[in-house]
């Protein structure tokens, strides 16, 4: 399969890779037909998805199963009135029904909007209005159903905007009794918590998505003519995780999956017949990076561990039991892993590990390598991009570095005046698109040309991330442009201070932000989650401050330290420093 899209698949060095990697994108490409159905025809019994959950449920799906189920899902959506170009929101956590539902929408040419189950009614209303959502398929959890019902009721009462929602369905848990009534439970919860003025609103009926799929035909012909998709048609809309401001709608077209050949083959290093686990909820764009497109094109099965509460030991045991071969997770996961006794686990099946989502603190890298022998290889990208910078197989990892640019990405660092930075100089990461647009790069923000042009103009895409480049060309993350702290004339990147704090045994997690100060303009604040066995004492604050002074430049030490039970995060696991800053906005 991979050879259909790459003229050369193996490379001798990073230089060879960057210069000679070339991706062929066929016209009218549709991943569901041109990859999944082709794999089903070539070897229908080959495993595509291995799923298990924390309650003991297990299931294995072949590519033949995926073709059949996605054909049935496409027919079920069509029978519900969903057609090409209709946006459908999928709130399915890590349920295995997500994959046939997503592929079914691809086959129809509809627009999939993966979303988190943590959305409030307000969030759902915002998304439905912004994208004109036509359908929602969600998990069978009463709270999720009640939130959707409340959002629908609010939209029905809005006389200025006509509701576009016309189809709702839930996916029944494998553990749910056959006679359970999630829609009824959701309705009762909605009645209890919703404002009185919404109680009389007439709502759409709920459908059992599993039953709709089961009863649908397993024969779905590829659409032709006006119903067929072209590469420029919208396939996915992602509402960004929103570390700042309201979520933006990132638009990806039908050629997008091919951009993740880079991600899967050359960063995650998946292999034919292997089993890859990326730790991500399907509502996050990281699921597109590691749970379907590139992995299947490369012939690897995808492993899904469905859990509600992260228990490090349980995840480690699951990885070992199922013989996962390649693994990708955010630094938070590894941070908890190294607190476990890793000597108890047999990592002989695990061949490759990588990390993304937040910068990797060197201390985590060293401890994980010492315990498992695996070098964590970092990667950098955004919802708007694919893997853009990474530590590729030919490279020596530098803990804490994002690595070197991916083929097809013309990356640079620039000053505020637009000129290129020198070695060691901090600047904003940009992608130049005058000579080429990287495969898989977004097409802009949906329905917002002004916002698109604010970050992508004059053939330059501004990532908003600050970094510096060393003598070997490796890029080092400093922070978001709005996260960088300016104190007493110094520019302080939060990552370096966080890395210093994490070297202290008392610190499990931390976030560094700036707090307004009348004398210095801004002072450094550290919000700290303590490891087990440590108590939030004044003496420990002083100890941490002295530790940072000794570990990095003394002027960077946190003058304010606050101990908390947990840090505010997005569903993707990124720390919401903006929320901490907003909470401190009145602090002096």
Protein backbone atom coordinates (compact mmCIF):
# COMPACT_ATOMS: atom_id res chain seq x y z
CA UNK A 1 0.00 0.00 0.00
CA UNK A 2 2.73 2.48 0.96
CA UNK A 3 4.46 2.12 -2.42
CA UNK A 4 1.35 3.51 -4.12
CA UNK A 5 2.05 6.89 -2.60
CA UNK A 6 5.86 6.97 -2.20
CA UNK A 7 8.42 6.56 -4.99
CA UNK A 8 11.06 5.82 -2.33
CA UNK A 9 10.32 4.41 1.10
CA UNK A 10 13.76 3.83 2.64
CA UNK A 11 16.47 6.42 3.21
CA UNK A 12 20.12 6.34 4.28
CA UNK A 13 20.22 9.54 6.33
CA UNK A 14 18.17 12.50 7.44
CA UNK A 15 19.68 14.52 4.57
CA UNK A 16 18.59 11.86 2.06
CA UNK A 17 15.16 11.76 3.68
CA UNK A 18 14.61 15.53 3.61
CA UNK A 19 15.83 15.92 0.03
CA UNK A 20 14.22 12.89 -1.62
CA UNK A 21 10.98 12.11 0.22
CA UNK A 22 8.19 12.54 -2.33
CA UNK A 23 4.49 11.90 -1.80
CA UNK A 24 2.09 11.19 -4.64
CA UNK A 25 -1.50 12.29 -4.00
CA UNK A 26 -4.00 10.73 -6.43
CA UNK A 27 -6.91 12.75 -7.72
CA UNK A 28 -10.23 12.30 -5.93
CA UNK A 29 -8.55 10.43 -3.09
CA UNK A 30 -10.85 8.98 -0.45
CA UNK A 31 -9.11 7.15 2.39
CA UNK A 32 -12.12 4.94 3.16
CA UNK A 33 -12.29 3.55 -0.38
CA UNK A 34 -8.68 3.86 -1.57
CA UNK A 35 -7.00 2.51 1.55
CA UNK A 36 -9.44 0.65 3.82
CA UNK A 37 -11.46 -1.08 1.10
CA UNK A 38 -8.31 -1.86 -0.86
CA UNK A 39 -6.71 -3.42 2.22
CA UNK A 40 -9.90 -5.41 2.77
CA UNK A 41 -9.73 -6.69 -0.82
CA UNK A 42 -6.03 -7.57 -0.56
CA UNK A 43 -6.11 -9.25 2.84
CA UNK A 44 -9.47 -8.91 4.49
CA UNK A 45 -8.51 -10.99 7.52
CA UNK A 46 -5.53 -8.81 8.48
CA UNK A 47 -6.23 -7.06 11.75
CA UNK A 48 -6.97 -3.35 11.62
CA UNK A 49 -8.09 -2.50 15.15
CA UNK A 50 -7.51 -4.16 18.51
CA UNK A 51 -9.73 -2.70 21.21
CA UNK A 52 -10.04 -3.27 24.93
CA UNK A 53 -11.38 -1.31 27.87
CA UNK A 54 -10.68 -1.01 31.58
CA UNK A 55 -13.67 -3.23 32.43
CA UNK A 56 -12.42 -6.27 30.53
CA UNK A 57 -14.17 -5.77 27.20
CA UNK A 58 -12.17 -6.82 24.14
CA UNK A 59 -12.70 -6.88 20.37
CA UNK A 60 -10.58 -7.31 17.25
CA UNK A 61 -11.58 -5.99 13.83
CA UNK A 62 -10.04 -6.90 10.49
CA UNK A 63 -9.92 -4.66 7.44
CA UNK A 64 -12.73 -6.79 6.04
CA UNK A 65 -14.77 -5.95 9.14
CA UNK A 66 -13.99 -2.26 8.72
CA UNK A 67 -15.15 -2.27 5.10
CA UNK A 68 -18.41 -4.00 6.01
CA UNK A 69 -19.13 -1.86 9.07
CA UNK A 70 -18.24 1.41 7.33
CA UNK A 71 -20.50 0.51 4.38
CA UNK A 72 -23.30 -0.15 6.85
CA UNK A 73 -22.55 3.10 8.70
CA UNK A 74 -22.60 5.05 5.44
CA UNK A 75 -25.99 3.56 4.56
CA UNK A 76 -27.28 4.30 8.07
CA UNK A 77 -26.20 7.93 7.79
CA UNK A 78 -27.70 8.22 4.32
CA UNK A 79 -31.01 6.80 5.56
CA UNK A 80 -30.97 9.44 8.31
CA UNK A 81 -30.71 12.18 5.70
CA UNK A 82 -26.98 12.85 5.96
CA UNK A 83 -25.42 13.67 2.60
CA UNK A 84 -22.20 14.96 1.07
CA UNK A 85 -20.98 18.12 2.80
CA UNK A 86 -23.14 17.70 5.92
CA UNK A 87 -21.21 18.18 9.19
CA UNK A 88 -21.68 15.39 11.74
CA UNK A 89 -20.26 15.59 15.26
CA UNK A 90 -18.79 12.40 16.73
CA UNK A 91 -18.58 12.37 20.54
CA UNK A 92 -17.40 8.79 20.96
CA UNK A 93 -14.42 8.87 23.33
CA UNK A 94 -12.46 5.67 22.60
CA UNK A 95 -15.41 3.47 21.61
CA UNK A 96 -14.59 1.20 18.67
CA UNK A 97 -17.71 2.40 16.85
CA UNK A 98 -15.86 5.64 16.13
CA UNK A 99 -13.84 4.05 13.33
CA UNK A 100 -16.75 2.70 11.21
CA UNK A 101 -18.69 5.92 11.84
CA UNK A 102 -15.79 8.08 10.69
CA UNK A 103 -15.15 5.93 7.63
CA UNK A 104 -18.86 5.89 6.80
CA UNK A 105 -18.89 9.69 6.78
CA UNK A 106 -15.81 9.68 4.54
CA UNK A 107 -17.57 7.37 2.10
CA UNK A 108 -20.58 9.66 1.98
CA UNK A 109 -18.41 12.73 1.54
CA UNK A 110 -19.86 14.20 4.75
CA UNK A 111 -17.78 16.30 7.15
CA UNK A 112 -16.72 14.62 10.39
CA UNK A 113 -16.30 16.78 13.52
CA UNK A 114 -14.61 14.72 16.26
CA UNK A 115 -15.39 16.21 19.68
CA UNK A 116 -14.81 15.57 23.36
CA UNK A 117 -17.44 14.22 25.75
CA UNK A 118 -16.57 17.05 28.15
CA UNK A 119 -18.44 19.65 26.11
CA UNK A 120 -21.00 21.67 28.03
CA UNK A 121 -24.35 22.66 26.50
CA UNK A 122 -22.84 26.07 25.73
CA UNK A 123 -19.92 24.40 23.92
CA UNK A 124 -22.27 22.23 21.88
CA UNK A 125 -24.44 25.20 20.90
CA UNK A 126 -21.33 27.11 19.80
CA UNK A 127 -20.12 24.24 17.63
CA UNK A 128 -23.50 23.48 16.12
CA UNK A 129 -24.03 27.11 15.12
CA UNK A 130 -20.48 27.64 13.91
CA UNK A 131 -20.47 24.59 11.64
CA UNK A 132 -24.22 24.07 10.94
CA UNK A 133 -24.03 20.60 12.44
CA UNK A 134 -26.58 18.24 10.90
CA UNK A 135 -26.08 15.20 13.09
CA UNK A 136 -24.54 14.06 16.37
CA UNK A 137 -23.47 10.55 17.34
CA UNK A 138 -22.39 10.24 20.96
CA UNK A 139 -21.65 7.75 23.73
CA UNK A 140 -24.58 6.44 25.75
CA UNK A 141 -23.69 8.37 28.90
CA UNK A 142 -26.72 10.20 30.38
CA UNK A 143 -24.76 13.37 31.11
CA UNK A 144 -23.56 13.64 27.51
CA UNK A 145 -27.06 12.99 26.18
CA UNK A 146 -28.57 15.52 28.61
CA UNK A 147 -26.05 18.17 27.53
CA UNK A 148 -26.92 17.60 23.88
CA UNK A 149 -30.64 17.78 24.64
CA UNK A 150 -30.15 21.03 26.55
CA UNK A 151 -28.10 22.47 23.69
CA UNK A 152 -30.80 21.49 21.20
CA UNK A 153 -33.50 23.08 23.37
CA UNK A 154 -31.52 26.32 23.54
CA UNK A 155 -31.05 26.36 19.76
CA UNK A 156 -34.78 25.74 19.24
CA UNK A 157 -35.60 28.83 21.32
CA UNK A 158 -33.21 31.00 19.31
CA UNK A 159 -35.47 32.87 16.91
CA UNK A 160 -32.54 34.48 15.06
CA UNK A 161 -30.77 31.26 14.01
CA UNK A 162 -32.59 28.35 12.41
CA UNK A 163 -31.52 24.99 13.92
CA UNK A 164 -29.63 22.73 11.52
CA UNK A 165 -29.55 19.60 13.71
CA UNK A 166 -31.78 16.85 12.34
CA UNK A 167 -30.29 13.56 13.56
CA UNK A 168 -29.15 12.28 16.97
CA UNK A 169 -27.90 8.84 17.85
CA UNK A 170 -26.07 7.14 20.71
CA UNK A 171 -23.61 4.26 20.71
CA UNK A 172 -24.49 1.61 23.25
CA UNK A 173 -21.68 0.42 25.53
CA UNK A 174 -20.71 -3.24 25.29
CA UNK A 175 -21.37 -3.40 29.04
CA UNK A 176 -24.85 -1.85 28.91
CA UNK A 177 -27.83 -4.17 29.57
CA UNK A 178 -29.87 -4.91 26.47
CA UNK A 179 -32.92 -3.19 27.98
CA UNK A 180 -31.08 -0.04 29.09
CA UNK A 181 -32.55 3.28 28.01
CA UNK A 182 -29.74 5.87 27.79
CA UNK A 183 -31.98 8.37 25.98
CA UNK A 184 -34.56 8.13 28.76
CA UNK A 185 -31.90 8.51 31.45
CA UNK A 186 -30.50 11.51 29.61
CA UNK A 187 -33.96 13.06 29.31
CA UNK A 188 -34.54 12.67 33.05
CA UNK A 189 -31.19 14.27 33.83
CA UNK A 190 -31.94 17.11 31.41
CA UNK A 191 -35.29 17.70 33.12
CA UNK A 192 -33.58 17.87 36.51
CA UNK A 193 -30.83 20.31 35.64
CA UNK A 194 -32.11 22.40 32.73
CA UNK A 195 -33.64 25.87 33.21
CA UNK A 196 -37.45 25.72 33.52
CA UNK A 197 -38.00 27.64 30.29
CA UNK A 198 -36.38 24.80 28.31
CA UNK A 199 -38.47 21.98 29.75
CA UNK A 200 -41.26 22.21 27.19
CA UNK A 201 -39.11 22.24 24.07
CA UNK A 202 -39.84 19.52 21.55
CA UNK A 203 -36.65 17.61 20.76
CA UNK A 204 -35.49 15.23 18.06
CA UNK A 205 -35.78 11.52 18.92
CA UNK A 206 -32.69 9.57 19.84
CA UNK A 207 -31.60 6.64 17.66
CA UNK A 208 -29.63 3.55 18.62
CA UNK A 209 -26.63 3.81 16.27
CA UNK A 210 -25.59 0.19 16.80
CA UNK A 211 -29.05 -0.97 15.68
CA UNK A 212 -29.08 1.37 12.70
CA UNK A 213 -25.72 0.02 11.52
CA UNK A 214 -26.66 -3.60 12.17
CA UNK A 215 -29.84 -3.28 10.11
CA UNK A 216 -28.25 -1.33 7.25
CA UNK A 217 -27.07 -2.88 4.00
CA UNK A 218 -23.41 -3.93 3.84
CA UNK A 219 -23.24 -2.82 0.21
CA UNK A 220 -22.35 0.82 -0.36
CA UNK A 221 -21.25 1.84 -3.84
CA UNK A 222 -18.66 4.55 -4.26
CA UNK A 223 -20.48 7.80 -5.16
CA UNK A 224 -19.84 9.23 -8.58
CA UNK A 225 -20.40 12.49 -10.39
CA UNK A 226 -21.46 15.38 -8.17
CA UNK A 227 -21.68 13.05 -5.15
CA UNK A 228 -18.03 12.01 -5.39
CA UNK A 229 -15.40 13.87 -3.39
CA UNK A 230 -12.44 15.80 -4.72
CA UNK A 231 -9.20 16.36 -2.84
CA UNK A 232 -10.17 19.89 -1.90
CA UNK A 233 -13.49 18.98 -0.29
CA UNK A 234 -13.68 19.27 3.49
CA UNK A 235 -13.29 15.90 5.23
CA UNK A 236 -12.63 16.94 8.85
CA UNK A 237 -13.27 19.94 11.05
CA UNK A 238 -11.39 20.16 14.32
CA UNK A 239 -12.26 22.69 16.95
CA UNK A 240 -8.85 23.45 18.42
CA UNK A 241 -8.31 22.58 22.05
CA UNK A 242 -8.42 26.24 23.00
CA UNK A 243 -5.46 27.01 25.26
CA UNK A 244 -6.42 30.59 24.42
CA UNK A 245 -9.67 32.15 23.27
CA UNK A 246 -12.65 30.47 21.62
CA UNK A 247 -11.95 27.30 19.64
CA UNK A 248 -11.17 27.74 15.96
CA UNK A 249 -12.45 25.43 13.23
CA UNK A 250 -9.45 23.85 11.53
CA UNK A 251 -10.35 22.65 8.04
CA UNK A 252 -8.76 19.50 6.57
CA UNK A 253 -9.52 18.12 3.13
CA UNK A 254 -9.70 14.60 1.72
CA UNK A 255 -5.97 14.54 0.91
CA UNK A 256 -5.15 15.08 4.59
CA UNK A 257 -4.69 11.38 5.54
CA UNK A 258 -1.72 11.05 3.19
CA UNK A 259 0.13 13.76 5.10
CA UNK A 260 0.32 11.35 8.02
CA UNK A 261 2.52 8.90 6.13
CA UNK A 262 5.34 11.05 7.51
CA UNK A 263 3.88 10.87 11.00
CA UNK A 264 3.40 7.11 11.12
CA UNK A 265 6.23 5.70 9.01
CA UNK A 266 9.12 7.98 9.87
CA UNK A 267 8.36 9.39 13.31
CA UNK A 268 6.26 6.74 15.07
CA UNK A 269 8.10 4.06 13.03
CA UNK A 270 5.10 1.74 12.74
CA UNK A 271 5.64 -1.50 10.84
CA UNK A 272 3.48 -3.85 8.75
CA UNK A 273 1.85 -6.33 11.09
CA UNK A 274 2.70 -4.24 14.12
CA UNK A 275 0.39 -2.84 16.77
CA UNK A 276 0.49 0.88 17.45
CA UNK A 277 -0.93 2.74 20.43
CA UNK A 278 -1.27 6.50 20.51
CA UNK A 279 -2.78 7.68 23.78
CA UNK A 280 -5.52 10.07 22.69
CA UNK A 281 -9.25 10.55 22.91
CA UNK A 282 -10.91 10.50 19.48
CA UNK A 283 -12.10 14.06 20.11
CA UNK A 284 -8.52 15.31 19.78
CA UNK A 285 -6.63 15.75 16.50
CA UNK A 286 -3.88 13.51 17.90
CA UNK A 287 -6.23 10.61 17.15
CA UNK A 288 -5.90 11.43 13.44
CA UNK A 289 -2.13 11.45 13.90
CA UNK A 290 -1.92 8.07 15.58
CA UNK A 291 -5.11 6.04 15.49
CA UNK A 292 -6.06 5.55 11.86
CA UNK A 293 -4.66 7.18 8.73
CA UNK A 294 -0.89 6.83 8.55
CA UNK A 295 -0.85 3.62 10.56
CA UNK A 296 -3.22 1.77 8.22
CA UNK A 297 -1.49 3.10 5.10
CA UNK A 298 1.73 1.64 6.53
CA UNK A 299 0.10 -1.71 7.29
CA UNK A 300 0.09 -1.48 11.10
CA UNK A 301 -2.91 -2.32 13.24
CA UNK A 302 -4.13 0.28 15.71
CA UNK A 303 -4.52 -0.50 19.39
CA UNK A 304 -7.18 1.28 21.44
CA UNK A 305 -7.27 1.23 25.23
CA UNK A 306 -10.63 2.63 26.29
CA UNK A 307 -10.54 4.04 29.81
CA UNK A 308 -12.15 6.81 31.82
CA UNK A 309 -9.56 7.14 34.57
CA UNK A 310 -5.87 6.98 33.79
CA UNK A 311 -4.13 4.42 36.00
CA UNK A 312 -0.44 4.17 35.01
CA UNK A 313 -0.01 0.56 36.15
CA UNK A 314 -3.15 -0.55 34.29
CA UNK A 315 -1.99 1.06 31.04
CA UNK A 316 1.47 -0.47 31.38
CA UNK A 317 -0.02 -3.91 31.98
CA UNK A 318 -2.30 -3.49 28.96
CA UNK A 319 0.61 -2.46 26.71
CA UNK A 320 2.61 -5.51 27.78
CA UNK A 321 -0.29 -7.99 27.61
CA UNK A 322 -1.26 -7.02 24.06
CA UNK A 323 2.34 -6.76 22.85
CA UNK A 324 2.13 -3.22 21.57
CA UNK A 325 5.08 -2.60 19.23
CA UNK A 326 5.07 1.20 18.86
CA UNK A 327 3.83 3.75 21.36
CA UNK A 328 3.15 7.48 21.38
CA UNK A 329 1.92 9.59 24.30
CA UNK A 330 2.16 13.09 25.75
CA UNK A 331 4.85 13.78 28.38
CA UNK A 332 2.25 13.57 31.17
CA UNK A 333 1.85 9.83 30.55
CA UNK A 334 5.60 9.18 30.70
CA UNK A 335 5.83 11.39 33.79
CA UNK A 336 3.47 9.02 35.59
CA UNK A 337 5.11 5.92 34.11
CA UNK A 338 8.51 6.71 35.62
CA UNK A 339 6.90 6.91 39.07
CA UNK A 340 6.04 3.20 38.70
CA UNK A 341 8.41 0.28 39.22
CA UNK A 342 9.16 -0.28 35.52
CA UNK A 343 11.45 -3.22 36.30
CA UNK A 344 8.30 -5.35 36.77
CA UNK A 345 7.34 -5.09 33.10
CA UNK A 346 8.59 -7.02 30.07
CA UNK A 347 9.11 -4.44 27.32
CA UNK A 348 10.57 -6.91 24.82
CA UNK A 349 7.72 -6.43 22.30
CA UNK A 350 7.93 -2.65 22.42
CA UNK A 351 10.22 -1.40 19.64
CA UNK A 352 9.77 2.35 19.45
CA UNK A 353 8.45 5.19 21.61
CA UNK A 354 7.76 8.81 20.78
CA UNK A 355 6.28 11.80 22.53
CA UNK A 356 4.35 14.94 21.59
CA UNK A 357 1.75 17.37 22.83
CA UNK A 358 3.98 19.31 25.22
CA UNK A 359 7.77 19.65 25.37
CA UNK A 360 9.55 16.71 26.99
CA UNK A 361 11.49 17.51 30.12
CA UNK A 362 14.98 15.94 29.94
CA UNK A 363 14.56 14.34 33.36
CA UNK A 364 11.66 12.24 32.06
CA UNK A 365 13.68 11.20 29.01
CA UNK A 366 16.63 10.04 31.08
CA UNK A 367 14.59 8.12 33.65
CA UNK A 368 12.46 6.34 31.02
CA UNK A 369 15.54 5.39 29.01
CA UNK A 370 17.30 4.08 32.12
CA UNK A 371 14.31 1.91 33.01
CA UNK A 372 13.31 0.61 29.54
CA UNK A 373 16.23 1.21 27.20
CA UNK A 374 14.01 3.23 24.87
CA UNK A 375 14.97 6.69 23.66
CA UNK A 376 11.90 8.91 23.52
CA UNK A 377 11.74 10.70 20.18
CA UNK A 378 9.97 14.01 20.20
CA UNK A 379 7.78 15.47 17.50
CA UNK A 380 6.15 18.82 16.97
CA UNK A 381 3.08 19.86 15.05
CA UNK A 382 -0.30 21.46 15.46
CA UNK A 383 -3.91 20.64 14.70
CA UNK A 384 -3.32 22.74 11.58
CA UNK A 385 -0.32 20.65 10.49
CA UNK A 386 1.05 17.11 10.47
CA UNK A 387 4.42 16.19 11.97
CA UNK A 388 6.49 19.31 11.23
CA UNK A 389 9.64 18.84 13.31
CA UNK A 390 10.79 15.55 14.78
CA UNK A 391 13.62 13.35 15.93
CA UNK A 392 13.66 10.92 13.01
CA UNK A 393 15.31 7.47 13.06
CA UNK A 394 18.65 8.63 11.64
CA UNK A 395 19.03 11.33 14.28
CA UNK A 396 20.54 11.29 17.73
CA UNK A 397 17.86 12.44 20.20
CA UNK A 398 18.58 15.58 22.17
CA UNK A 399 16.23 15.46 25.18
CA UNK A 400 13.96 18.48 25.14
CA UNK A 401 14.51 19.26 21.47
CA UNK A 402 11.75 19.10 18.86
CA UNK A 403 14.26 17.83 16.31
CA UNK A 404 14.69 18.78 12.66
CA UNK A 405 12.15 19.83 9.96
CA UNK A 406 10.05 17.21 8.19
CA UNK A 407 10.37 16.81 4.41
CA UNK A 408 8.00 19.19 2.65
CA UNK A 409 8.13 21.66 5.55
CA UNK A 410 10.16 24.83 4.95
CA UNK A 411 10.60 25.80 8.62
CA UNK A 412 12.29 28.93 9.87
CA UNK A 413 12.54 31.12 12.98
CA UNK A 414 11.89 34.81 12.57
CA UNK A 415 12.19 37.99 14.59
CA UNK A 416 9.33 40.44 15.08
CA UNK A 417 10.52 42.37 12.00
CA UNK A 418 10.24 39.23 9.86
CA UNK A 419 13.98 38.59 9.45
CA UNK A 420 15.44 35.15 10.11
CA UNK A 421 16.97 34.45 13.51
CA UNK A 422 20.59 33.55 14.06
CA UNK A 423 21.72 30.35 15.74
CA UNK A 424 20.75 30.41 19.41
CA UNK A 425 18.38 33.32 18.95
CA UNK A 426 14.78 32.99 20.02
CA UNK A 427 12.07 33.59 17.43
CA UNK A 428 8.67 32.46 16.20
CA UNK A 429 8.38 29.14 14.35
CA UNK A 430 6.97 29.69 10.86
CA UNK A 431 6.23 27.55 7.81
CA UNK A 432 7.05 29.12 4.44
CA UNK A 433 4.59 28.07 1.73
CA UNK A 434 5.84 30.06 -1.26
CA UNK A 435 7.49 27.03 -2.87
CA UNK A 436 5.19 24.29 -1.59
CA UNK A 437 2.37 23.62 0.81
CA UNK A 438 3.11 20.59 3.01
CA UNK A 439 0.86 17.57 2.46
CA UNK A 440 -1.73 17.48 5.22
CA UNK A 441 -1.49 21.17 6.09
CA UNK A 442 -4.87 22.73 6.83
CA UNK A 443 -6.80 24.75 4.29
CA UNK A 444 -7.59 27.59 6.67
CA UNK A 445 -10.09 28.23 9.44
CA UNK A 446 -13.62 27.33 8.35
CA UNK A 447 -15.77 30.37 7.67
CA UNK A 448 -13.16 32.77 9.02
CA UNK A 449 -10.97 34.29 6.31
CA UNK A 450 -9.92 37.13 8.61
CA UNK A 451 -8.55 34.73 11.21
CA UNK A 452 -6.89 32.62 8.52
CA UNK A 453 -5.14 35.66 7.02
CA UNK A 454 -4.01 36.78 10.47
CA UNK A 455 -1.85 33.66 10.83
CA UNK A 456 -1.19 32.78 7.17
CA UNK A 457 -0.32 35.56 4.78
CA UNK A 458 2.43 36.45 2.31
CA UNK A 459 3.10 32.70 1.99
CA UNK A 460 4.05 32.40 5.65
CA UNK A 461 2.12 30.46 8.30
CA UNK A 462 2.79 31.78 11.81
CA UNK A 463 2.54 28.99 14.38
CA UNK A 464 2.56 31.28 17.43
CA UNK A 465 5.23 29.07 19.03
CA UNK A 466 8.60 30.39 20.11
CA UNK A 467 11.81 28.38 19.78
CA UNK A 468 15.54 28.63 19.14
CA UNK A 469 17.88 26.63 16.92
CA UNK A 470 21.22 25.13 17.95
CA UNK A 471 24.43 24.61 15.98
CA UNK A 472 23.17 21.28 14.57
CA UNK A 473 19.91 22.78 13.34
CA UNK A 474 17.82 21.21 16.12
CA UNK A 475 14.86 23.29 17.28
CA UNK A 476 14.16 23.88 20.99
CA UNK A 477 10.73 24.91 22.21
CA UNK A 478 10.47 28.00 24.43
CA UNK A 479 6.70 28.44 24.73
CA UNK A 480 3.69 29.93 23.07
CA UNK A 481 4.31 33.54 22.09
CA UNK A 482 1.79 34.61 24.73
CA UNK A 483 3.32 32.28 27.36
CA UNK A 484 6.78 33.87 27.29
CA UNK A 485 7.33 35.93 30.46
CA UNK A 486 8.97 39.37 30.34
CA UNK A 487 10.36 40.21 33.77
CA UNK A 488 12.76 43.07 34.64
CA UNK A 489 13.90 43.24 31.03
CA UNK A 490 14.47 39.48 30.74
CA UNK A 491 12.54 37.10 28.46
CA UNK A 492 11.83 33.84 30.29
CA UNK A 493 10.45 30.75 28.60
CA UNK A 494 8.24 28.67 30.90
CA UNK A 495 9.59 25.35 29.65
CA UNK A 496 13.10 25.83 31.02
CA UNK A 497 11.80 26.72 34.48
CA UNK A 498 9.35 23.80 34.41
CA UNK A 499 12.16 21.43 33.44
CA UNK A 500 14.24 22.63 36.37
CA UNK A 501 11.36 22.14 38.81
CA UNK A 502 10.60 18.65 37.49
CA UNK A 503 14.10 17.54 38.36
CA UNK A 504 13.15 17.93 42.05
CA UNK A 505 11.64 14.68 43.43
CA UNK A 506 8.72 16.51 45.05
CA UNK A 507 7.31 17.81 41.75
CA UNK A 508 4.92 15.63 39.76
CA UNK A 509 3.63 18.33 37.42
CA UNK A 510 4.00 22.08 37.15
CA UNK A 511 3.08 25.09 35.04
CA UNK A 512 5.03 28.32 34.94
CA UNK A 513 3.28 31.60 34.17
CA UNK A 514 3.75 35.32 34.70
CA UNK A 515 1.99 37.35 37.38
CA UNK A 516 1.70 41.17 37.22
CA UNK A 517 4.13 42.96 39.54
CA UNK A 518 4.36 46.75 40.15
CA UNK A 519 8.16 46.77 40.27
CA UNK A 520 9.27 44.12 37.77
CA UNK A 521 6.28 44.28 35.43
CA UNK A 522 5.87 40.52 35.72
CA UNK A 523 7.25 37.89 38.07
CA UNK A 524 7.56 34.16 37.55
CA UNK A 525 4.97 31.95 39.22
CA UNK A 526 5.05 28.15 39.45
CA UNK A 527 1.84 26.21 39.98
CA UNK A 528 2.91 22.83 41.33
CA UNK A 529 1.31 19.40 41.77
CA UNK A 530 3.27 17.46 44.37
CA UNK A 531 4.30 13.83 44.11
CA UNK A 532 3.00 11.29 46.61
CA UNK A 533 4.42 11.67 50.09
CA UNK A 534 5.21 15.38 49.88
CA UNK A 535 3.34 18.07 51.77
CA UNK A 536 2.70 21.68 50.64
CA UNK A 537 4.88 23.49 53.16
CA UNK A 538 6.57 26.90 53.16
CA UNK A 539 9.94 25.25 53.61
CA UNK A 540 9.41 23.26 50.42
CA UNK A 541 8.68 26.48 48.50
CA UNK A 542 12.05 27.87 49.50
CA UNK A 543 13.74 24.58 48.65
CA UNK A 544 12.20 24.60 45.16
CA UNK A 545 13.19 28.23 44.59
CA UNK A 546 16.79 27.48 45.54
CA UNK A 547 16.75 24.37 43.36
CA UNK A 548 15.76 26.44 40.30
CA UNK A 549 18.41 29.06 41.05
CA UNK A 550 21.06 26.32 41.01
CA UNK A 551 19.68 24.51 37.97
CA UNK A 552 19.16 27.45 35.60
CA UNK A 553 19.84 31.19 35.50
CA UNK A 554 18.96 32.62 38.95
CA UNK A 555 16.76 35.41 37.55
CA UNK A 556 14.36 32.75 36.24
CA UNK A 557 13.43 31.33 39.62
CA UNK A 558 9.71 31.42 40.59
CA UNK A 559 9.11 34.17 43.13
CA UNK A 560 5.60 32.76 43.67
CA UNK A 561 4.85 29.07 44.18
CA UNK A 562 1.32 27.72 44.56
CA UNK A 563 0.59 24.08 45.38
CA UNK A 564 -2.54 22.63 43.75
CA UNK A 565 -4.21 19.22 43.47
CA UNK A 566 -4.27 19.34 39.66
CA UNK A 567 -3.47 21.62 36.73
CA UNK A 568 -6.11 22.92 34.32
CA UNK A 569 -5.79 21.05 31.03
CA UNK A 570 -7.44 20.65 27.68
CA UNK A 571 -8.91 17.28 26.70
CA UNK A 572 -5.70 16.67 24.77
CA UNK A 573 -3.69 16.95 27.97
CA UNK A 574 -2.13 20.35 27.30
CA UNK A 575 -1.77 22.65 30.28
CA UNK A 576 -4.06 25.67 30.06
CA UNK A 577 -1.65 28.33 31.27
CA UNK A 578 -4.12 30.95 30.08
CA UNK A 579 -6.58 29.75 32.73
CA UNK A 580 -3.93 30.13 35.43
CA UNK A 581 -3.07 33.60 34.17
CA UNK A 582 -6.72 34.63 34.14
CA UNK A 583 -7.09 33.44 37.74
CA UNK A 584 -4.06 35.51 38.73
CA UNK A 585 -5.04 38.61 36.79
CA UNK A 586 -5.79 40.50 40.02
CA UNK A 587 -2.73 39.23 41.89
CA UNK A 588 -0.01 41.73 42.81
